[in-house]
């Protein structure tokens, strides 16, 4: 379909595609197998100014929005959904700063992120606080001109590879959702260390690590917005970032579809290519329809956000939900088209399927997305 992209937007796709083919494709198998963080790819993205796509020009960025970010992440994820996360997860950790930081905080942190000099990470999840974020135990207590953080965050993407962390902590346990606050914590701060490095099923080229805070002291002005605004920061961040997960999932699905179509042309059985079999044709047709429908929903959502619409929680949840479900279904079906070859690690399809699964889980499970969509419908959001 023609999405009537501007020349700049098409240039973003072309540039991301070139990096994906030249820098990611040759290393994706090794980085996945060995769990290597893709610093060389981060450097390549920085050299062509893709790291700051969604950051305003006044802070050193490209001046685009969620849509431009999604275009790049989709293209990178067509080759490797794990390696693309270095960029996508940094955006997640950056959105709280973009949306709620003071001008001084933005000037301090955004230029280095936009230049690719520093990565960011988002510290919300804990061992007993996943879907129920308010169940977290990490605390921040004001002591003079410093906040003192104690607690552990779990399954944090970009883990110890980031330099800038947006971290959520309870500042007033008696106030429930209004007792949660968000802070900017820099790597190297005394009392801030890293725990377990997770050994994952998929996205293995992305680091996932515990963040550990033991009497970690940060300046009083490291808080985002003001005390008690943490829930609002988290909700607004996730509403803006979920299309990014959708674009990762969409890229994985689109790459799987392309591989399946190419394989069906080459694989000969009973004297003819398997692409001539109606059973295979129907699978490919369904996969292509699902991918295109996912792309249409995702692009419309991203453009809605960038247009400045105030209410898009339902659409954001829908795009993350649908794209990730499509990614899982398309990779499973694409593997089926490839048969035994698809199941072998010699081919990328089994990796695509492993990478796809997490998109149904992080940044809110798909069951949580359905809850959000239903709540918005019941409250009377436009359908």
Protein backbone atom coordinates (compact mmCIF):
# COMPACT_ATOMS: atom_id res chain seq x y z
CA UNK A 1 0.00 0.00 0.00
CA UNK A 2 1.03 3.59 -0.57
CA UNK A 3 1.27 5.40 2.75
CA UNK A 4 2.26 8.66 1.04
CA UNK A 5 5.54 9.05 2.89
CA UNK A 6 7.57 12.20 2.61
CA UNK A 7 11.00 12.12 1.02
CA UNK A 8 12.55 12.30 4.48
CA UNK A 9 10.47 9.37 5.73
CA UNK A 10 11.41 7.28 2.71
CA UNK A 11 15.04 8.19 3.32
CA UNK A 12 14.71 6.89 6.90
CA UNK A 13 13.45 3.55 5.57
CA UNK A 14 16.18 3.33 2.94
CA UNK A 15 18.90 4.20 5.45
CA UNK A 16 17.62 1.73 8.05
CA UNK A 17 17.35 -0.97 5.37
CA UNK A 18 20.95 -0.40 4.29
CA UNK A 19 22.20 -0.72 7.87
CA UNK A 20 20.06 -3.82 8.40
CA UNK A 21 21.52 -5.50 5.31
CA UNK A 22 25.14 -4.41 5.73
CA UNK A 23 25.60 -4.32 9.50
CA UNK A 24 22.95 -6.58 11.04
CA UNK A 25 22.46 -9.43 8.57
CA UNK A 26 26.09 -10.66 8.71
CA UNK A 27 26.14 -10.85 12.53
CA UNK A 28 22.58 -11.63 13.61
CA UNK A 29 23.13 -15.38 13.97
CA UNK A 30 26.31 -15.01 16.04
CA UNK A 31 24.94 -12.19 18.19
CA UNK A 32 21.80 -14.23 18.88
CA UNK A 33 23.73 -17.39 19.69
CA UNK A 34 26.32 -15.72 21.91
CA UNK A 35 24.12 -12.98 23.38
CA UNK A 36 26.35 -10.17 22.09
CA UNK A 37 25.12 -6.60 22.53
CA UNK A 38 25.24 -4.81 19.12
CA UNK A 39 27.47 -1.83 19.88
CA UNK A 40 28.73 -1.79 16.28
CA UNK A 41 25.17 -1.39 15.02
CA UNK A 42 24.47 1.37 17.55
CA UNK A 43 27.54 3.17 16.22
CA UNK A 44 26.32 2.76 12.65
CA UNK A 45 22.89 4.12 13.56
CA UNK A 46 24.51 7.09 15.26
CA UNK A 47 26.68 7.84 12.23
CA UNK A 48 23.60 8.29 10.03
CA UNK A 49 21.61 10.22 12.67
CA UNK A 50 18.91 7.60 13.23
CA UNK A 51 19.25 7.56 17.02
CA UNK A 52 17.47 10.87 17.44
CA UNK A 53 14.60 10.42 14.99
CA UNK A 54 11.92 11.14 17.61
CA UNK A 55 13.85 13.86 19.50
CA UNK A 56 13.20 17.56 18.74
CA UNK A 57 15.79 19.45 16.74
CA UNK A 58 16.36 21.89 19.61
CA UNK A 59 17.82 19.01 21.62
CA UNK A 60 19.95 17.65 18.80
CA UNK A 61 17.46 15.27 17.25
CA UNK A 62 15.94 14.76 13.81
CA UNK A 63 12.68 16.40 14.84
CA UNK A 64 10.41 13.51 13.88
CA UNK A 65 7.98 11.61 16.05
CA UNK A 66 6.64 8.19 16.88
CA UNK A 67 5.95 7.50 13.20
CA UNK A 68 9.54 8.07 12.12
CA UNK A 69 10.76 5.89 14.99
CA UNK A 70 8.38 3.11 13.91
CA UNK A 71 9.57 3.26 10.30
CA UNK A 72 13.17 2.68 11.34
CA UNK A 73 12.45 0.00 13.96
CA UNK A 74 10.25 -1.93 11.53
CA UNK A 75 12.97 -1.96 8.91
CA UNK A 76 15.71 -3.04 11.34
CA UNK A 77 13.43 -5.72 12.83
CA UNK A 78 12.87 -7.30 9.42
CA UNK A 79 16.42 -8.58 9.80
CA UNK A 80 16.73 -8.89 13.59
CA UNK A 81 14.16 -8.02 16.25
CA UNK A 82 16.75 -8.39 18.99
CA UNK A 83 19.33 -6.01 17.59
CA UNK A 84 16.68 -3.40 16.77
CA UNK A 85 15.84 -3.23 20.48
CA UNK A 86 18.96 -1.22 21.26
CA UNK A 87 17.22 1.64 19.50
CA UNK A 88 13.61 0.86 20.47
CA UNK A 89 14.33 0.33 24.16
CA UNK A 90 16.30 3.55 24.29
CA UNK A 91 13.21 5.33 22.99
CA UNK A 92 11.16 3.75 25.79
CA UNK A 93 13.62 5.01 28.40
CA UNK A 94 13.67 8.43 26.73
CA UNK A 95 9.93 9.07 26.44
CA UNK A 96 9.52 10.00 30.14
CA UNK A 97 12.16 12.70 29.62
CA UNK A 98 10.58 13.90 26.38
CA UNK A 99 7.12 14.07 27.91
CA UNK A 100 7.76 15.24 31.48
CA UNK A 101 11.28 16.60 31.97
CA UNK A 102 12.11 20.24 32.57
CA UNK A 103 13.93 22.13 29.85
CA UNK A 104 17.14 21.89 31.89
CA UNK A 105 16.77 18.10 32.17
CA UNK A 106 16.09 17.79 28.45
CA UNK A 107 19.16 19.86 27.59
CA UNK A 108 21.26 17.71 29.90
CA UNK A 109 20.21 14.27 28.63
CA UNK A 110 18.58 14.39 25.19
CA UNK A 111 21.53 15.58 23.04
CA UNK A 112 23.69 12.58 23.99
CA UNK A 113 20.81 10.19 23.37
CA UNK A 114 20.05 11.82 20.01
CA UNK A 115 23.72 11.54 19.01
CA UNK A 116 23.85 7.86 19.97
CA UNK A 117 26.51 8.56 22.58
CA UNK A 118 24.31 7.18 25.37
CA UNK A 119 21.51 4.65 25.52
CA UNK A 120 18.53 4.84 27.86
CA UNK A 121 16.46 2.27 29.76
CA UNK A 122 13.05 2.18 31.44
CA UNK A 123 12.94 0.89 35.03
CA UNK A 124 9.37 -0.01 35.99
CA UNK A 125 9.05 -3.81 36.30
CA UNK A 126 9.95 -5.76 39.44
CA UNK A 127 9.84 -9.43 40.40
CA UNK A 128 6.38 -9.07 41.95
CA UNK A 129 5.24 -6.02 40.01
CA UNK A 130 4.75 -6.67 36.31
CA UNK A 131 1.21 -6.07 35.09
CA UNK A 132 0.47 -4.72 38.58
CA UNK A 133 3.04 -1.92 38.56
CA UNK A 134 1.68 -0.45 41.79
CA UNK A 135 2.81 -3.61 43.57
CA UNK A 136 6.41 -2.43 43.33
CA UNK A 137 8.63 -2.33 46.43
CA UNK A 138 11.36 0.09 45.28
CA UNK A 139 11.24 3.20 47.43
CA UNK A 140 12.61 6.73 47.24
CA UNK A 141 12.90 8.75 50.45
CA UNK A 142 13.78 12.42 50.48
CA UNK A 143 16.76 13.13 52.75
CA UNK A 144 17.67 16.79 52.64
CA UNK A 145 18.56 17.63 49.04
CA UNK A 146 18.79 14.00 47.92
CA UNK A 147 16.47 11.12 47.18
CA UNK A 148 17.59 7.76 48.56
CA UNK A 149 16.55 4.81 46.37
CA UNK A 150 16.31 1.20 47.57
CA UNK A 151 14.99 -1.75 45.62
CA UNK A 152 15.47 -3.93 42.55
CA UNK A 153 14.09 -3.67 39.03
CA UNK A 154 13.81 -6.82 36.92
CA UNK A 155 13.91 -7.63 33.18
CA UNK A 156 15.17 -4.19 32.19
CA UNK A 157 15.93 -3.96 28.46
CA UNK A 158 19.31 -2.39 27.63
CA UNK A 159 20.28 -3.37 31.20
CA UNK A 160 23.82 -2.42 32.06
CA UNK A 161 24.45 -1.09 28.54
CA UNK A 162 22.45 2.09 29.11
CA UNK A 163 23.80 5.27 30.70
CA UNK A 164 20.50 7.01 31.50
CA UNK A 165 17.65 5.32 33.38
CA UNK A 166 14.11 6.49 34.07
CA UNK A 167 13.27 4.67 37.29
CA UNK A 168 9.97 4.44 39.17
CA UNK A 169 9.76 4.24 42.96
CA UNK A 170 7.23 4.61 45.76
CA UNK A 171 7.61 7.97 47.50
CA UNK A 172 4.43 7.79 49.61
CA UNK A 173 3.02 4.30 50.24
CA UNK A 174 -0.17 5.68 51.79
CA UNK A 175 -1.30 7.39 48.58
CA UNK A 176 -1.54 4.40 46.27
CA UNK A 177 -1.20 5.43 42.62
CA UNK A 178 -0.48 9.00 43.72
CA UNK A 179 2.45 7.82 45.79
CA UNK A 180 4.52 6.76 42.78
CA UNK A 181 7.26 8.99 41.33
CA UNK A 182 9.75 8.80 38.46
CA UNK A 183 13.45 9.69 38.59
CA UNK A 184 16.39 10.01 36.22
CA UNK A 185 19.31 7.92 37.45
CA UNK A 186 22.70 7.93 35.78
CA UNK A 187 24.96 4.90 35.42
CA UNK A 188 27.84 5.05 37.87
CA UNK A 189 25.85 6.64 40.67
CA UNK A 190 27.05 5.16 44.01
CA UNK A 191 24.61 2.55 45.26
CA UNK A 192 23.38 1.73 41.75
CA UNK A 193 24.60 -1.65 40.48
CA UNK A 194 23.45 -4.44 38.20
CA UNK A 195 22.22 -7.90 39.12
CA UNK A 196 21.34 -10.96 37.11
CA UNK A 197 21.87 -10.91 33.35
CA UNK A 198 18.96 -12.93 31.92
CA UNK A 199 19.46 -15.86 29.55
CA UNK A 200 16.46 -15.52 27.26
CA UNK A 201 14.51 -17.55 24.72
CA UNK A 202 14.61 -14.76 22.13
CA UNK A 203 15.89 -11.21 21.53
CA UNK A 204 19.22 -12.56 22.74
CA UNK A 205 21.27 -9.74 21.21
CA UNK A 206 19.47 -7.39 23.60
CA UNK A 207 20.67 -7.26 27.21
CA UNK A 208 18.09 -7.82 29.95
CA UNK A 209 19.38 -7.13 33.45
CA UNK A 210 18.36 -6.38 37.02
CA UNK A 211 18.89 -2.85 38.34
CA UNK A 212 19.85 -2.84 42.02
CA UNK A 213 19.57 0.23 44.26
CA UNK A 214 21.11 0.15 47.72
CA UNK A 215 21.00 3.51 49.48
CA UNK A 216 21.49 5.10 46.06
CA UNK A 217 21.53 8.87 46.45
CA UNK A 218 20.44 11.09 43.58
CA UNK A 219 19.87 14.86 43.51
CA UNK A 220 16.50 16.25 44.57
CA UNK A 221 16.01 17.69 41.09
CA UNK A 222 16.44 14.26 39.46
CA UNK A 223 12.69 13.74 39.82
CA UNK A 224 10.58 13.97 36.65
CA UNK A 225 7.67 16.41 36.82
CA UNK A 226 6.93 16.33 40.54
CA UNK A 227 6.41 13.90 43.41
CA UNK A 228 3.38 11.64 42.97
CA UNK A 229 3.27 11.93 39.17
CA UNK A 230 4.84 8.54 38.52
CA UNK A 231 1.65 6.77 37.46
CA UNK A 232 0.84 9.50 34.96
CA UNK A 233 4.42 9.41 33.65
CA UNK A 234 4.26 5.63 33.22
CA UNK A 235 0.84 5.57 31.55
CA UNK A 236 1.67 8.35 29.10
CA UNK A 237 5.06 6.84 28.33
CA UNK A 238 3.58 3.43 27.51
CA UNK A 239 0.80 4.95 25.42
CA UNK A 240 3.47 6.67 23.32
CA UNK A 241 5.90 3.75 23.23
CA UNK A 242 3.62 0.79 22.50
CA UNK A 243 3.58 1.51 18.75
CA UNK A 244 7.36 1.02 18.97
CA UNK A 245 6.77 -2.56 20.16
CA UNK A 246 4.22 -2.87 17.39
CA UNK A 247 6.80 -1.80 14.81
CA UNK A 248 9.29 -4.35 16.14
CA UNK A 249 6.63 -7.06 15.87
CA UNK A 250 5.56 -5.87 12.42
CA UNK A 251 9.15 -5.96 11.20
CA UNK A 252 9.61 -9.52 12.47
CA UNK A 253 6.40 -10.59 10.72
CA UNK A 254 7.26 -8.81 7.47
CA UNK A 255 10.70 -10.40 7.40
CA UNK A 256 9.19 -13.82 8.03
CA UNK A 257 6.67 -13.36 5.22
CA UNK A 258 9.41 -12.35 2.78
CA UNK A 259 11.49 -15.39 3.72
CA UNK A 260 8.50 -17.72 3.36
CA UNK A 261 7.56 -16.38 -0.07
CA UNK A 262 11.14 -16.68 -1.34
CA UNK A 263 11.47 -20.21 0.05
CA UNK A 264 8.17 -21.30 -1.53
CA UNK A 265 9.48 -20.28 -4.94
CA UNK A 266 12.69 -22.25 -4.54
CA UNK A 267 11.56 -25.40 -2.74
CA UNK A 268 10.56 -28.11 -5.22
CA UNK A 269 8.37 -31.06 -4.26
CA UNK A 270 6.64 -33.52 -6.60
CA UNK A 271 8.47 -31.81 -9.43
CA UNK A 272 7.09 -28.28 -8.89
CA UNK A 273 7.77 -25.35 -6.52
CA UNK A 274 5.65 -25.56 -3.39
CA UNK A 275 4.36 -22.07 -4.24
CA UNK A 276 2.13 -23.80 -6.82
CA UNK A 277 0.24 -25.67 -4.08
CA UNK A 278 -3.00 -24.02 -3.06
CA UNK A 279 -2.48 -24.95 0.60
CA UNK A 280 0.77 -22.95 0.64
CA UNK A 281 -0.74 -20.12 -1.40
CA UNK A 282 -3.55 -19.68 1.12
CA UNK A 283 -1.11 -19.54 4.02
CA UNK A 284 0.96 -16.90 2.24
CA UNK A 285 -2.17 -14.91 1.36
CA UNK A 286 -3.36 -14.90 4.97
CA UNK A 287 0.09 -13.91 6.23
CA UNK A 288 0.33 -11.04 3.75
CA UNK A 289 -3.13 -9.76 4.64
CA UNK A 290 -2.35 -9.85 8.34
CA UNK A 291 0.94 -8.01 7.89
CA UNK A 292 -0.66 -5.29 5.77
CA UNK A 293 -3.56 -4.85 8.19
CA UNK A 294 -1.10 -4.59 11.10
CA UNK A 295 0.93 -1.98 9.24
CA UNK A 296 -2.17 0.12 8.47
CA UNK A 297 -3.26 0.13 12.12
CA UNK A 298 0.23 0.87 13.40
CA UNK A 299 0.92 3.72 10.97
CA UNK A 300 -2.47 5.31 11.65
CA UNK A 301 -1.87 5.15 15.40
CA UNK A 302 1.62 6.62 15.19
CA UNK A 303 0.41 9.46 12.98
CA UNK A 304 -2.47 10.13 15.38
CA UNK A 305 -0.02 10.48 18.26
CA UNK A 306 2.26 12.77 16.28
CA UNK A 307 -0.70 14.92 15.22
CA UNK A 308 -1.15 15.91 18.86
CA UNK A 309 -4.37 14.06 19.58
CA UNK A 310 -4.97 13.80 23.32
CA UNK A 311 -6.76 10.45 23.46
CA UNK A 312 -5.05 7.49 21.83
CA UNK A 313 -4.66 4.92 24.64
CA UNK A 314 -7.11 2.53 22.95
CA UNK A 315 -5.44 2.76 19.57
CA UNK A 316 -1.97 2.43 21.09
CA UNK A 317 -3.02 -0.74 22.88
CA UNK A 318 -4.67 -2.06 19.72
CA UNK A 319 -1.57 -1.53 17.61
CA UNK A 320 0.70 -3.28 20.11
CA UNK A 321 -1.81 -6.10 20.58
CA UNK A 322 -2.55 -6.73 16.93
CA UNK A 323 0.98 -6.38 15.58
CA UNK A 324 2.42 -8.74 18.19
CA UNK A 325 -0.32 -11.33 17.69
CA UNK A 326 0.32 -11.12 13.94
CA UNK A 327 4.05 -11.52 14.50
CA UNK A 328 3.52 -14.71 16.46
CA UNK A 329 1.03 -16.18 13.99
CA UNK A 330 2.99 -15.22 10.88
CA UNK A 331 6.30 -16.59 12.17
CA UNK A 332 4.64 -19.87 13.15
CA UNK A 333 2.97 -20.17 9.75
CA UNK A 334 6.12 -19.11 7.89
CA UNK A 335 8.06 -21.79 9.71
CA UNK A 336 5.39 -24.30 8.68
CA UNK A 337 5.81 -23.28 5.03
CA UNK A 338 9.53 -23.97 5.35
CA UNK A 339 8.95 -27.30 7.08
CA UNK A 340 11.99 -29.00 8.56
CA UNK A 341 14.31 -26.32 7.20
CA UNK A 342 12.39 -23.66 9.10
CA UNK A 343 12.95 -25.55 12.32
CA UNK A 344 16.72 -25.61 11.88
CA UNK A 345 18.96 -22.88 13.26
CA UNK A 346 20.73 -22.74 9.92
CA UNK A 347 17.77 -20.65 8.75
CA UNK A 348 16.51 -17.49 10.50
CA UNK A 349 12.88 -18.53 10.85
CA UNK A 350 13.13 -20.28 14.22
CA UNK A 351 14.88 -17.17 15.54
CA UNK A 352 12.10 -14.94 14.22
CA UNK A 353 9.56 -17.08 16.07
CA UNK A 354 11.57 -16.89 19.31
CA UNK A 355 11.94 -13.12 18.95
CA UNK A 356 8.24 -12.64 18.17
CA UNK A 357 7.00 -14.15 21.42
CA UNK A 358 8.28 -11.41 23.72
CA UNK A 359 6.32 -8.76 21.80
CA UNK A 360 3.15 -10.31 23.24
CA UNK A 361 4.55 -9.95 26.76
CA UNK A 362 6.58 -6.82 27.44
CA UNK A 363 5.31 -3.25 27.72
CA UNK A 364 2.05 -4.75 28.92
CA UNK A 365 0.97 -8.29 28.09
CA UNK A 366 -1.62 -8.66 25.38
CA UNK A 367 -4.15 -9.59 28.03
CA UNK A 368 -3.48 -6.21 29.68
CA UNK A 369 -3.89 -4.53 26.26
CA UNK A 370 -7.31 -6.13 25.90
CA UNK A 371 -8.22 -4.85 29.36
CA UNK A 372 -7.18 -1.31 28.32
CA UNK A 373 -9.11 -1.47 25.06
CA UNK A 374 -12.24 -2.74 26.80
CA UNK A 375 -12.02 -0.07 29.51
CA UNK A 376 -11.79 2.65 26.90
CA UNK A 377 -14.78 1.22 25.03
CA UNK A 378 -16.88 0.96 28.17
CA UNK A 379 -15.96 4.51 29.16
CA UNK A 380 -17.37 5.63 25.85
CA UNK A 381 -14.29 6.18 23.72
CA UNK A 382 -15.11 6.62 20.04
CA UNK A 383 -15.35 3.41 18.03
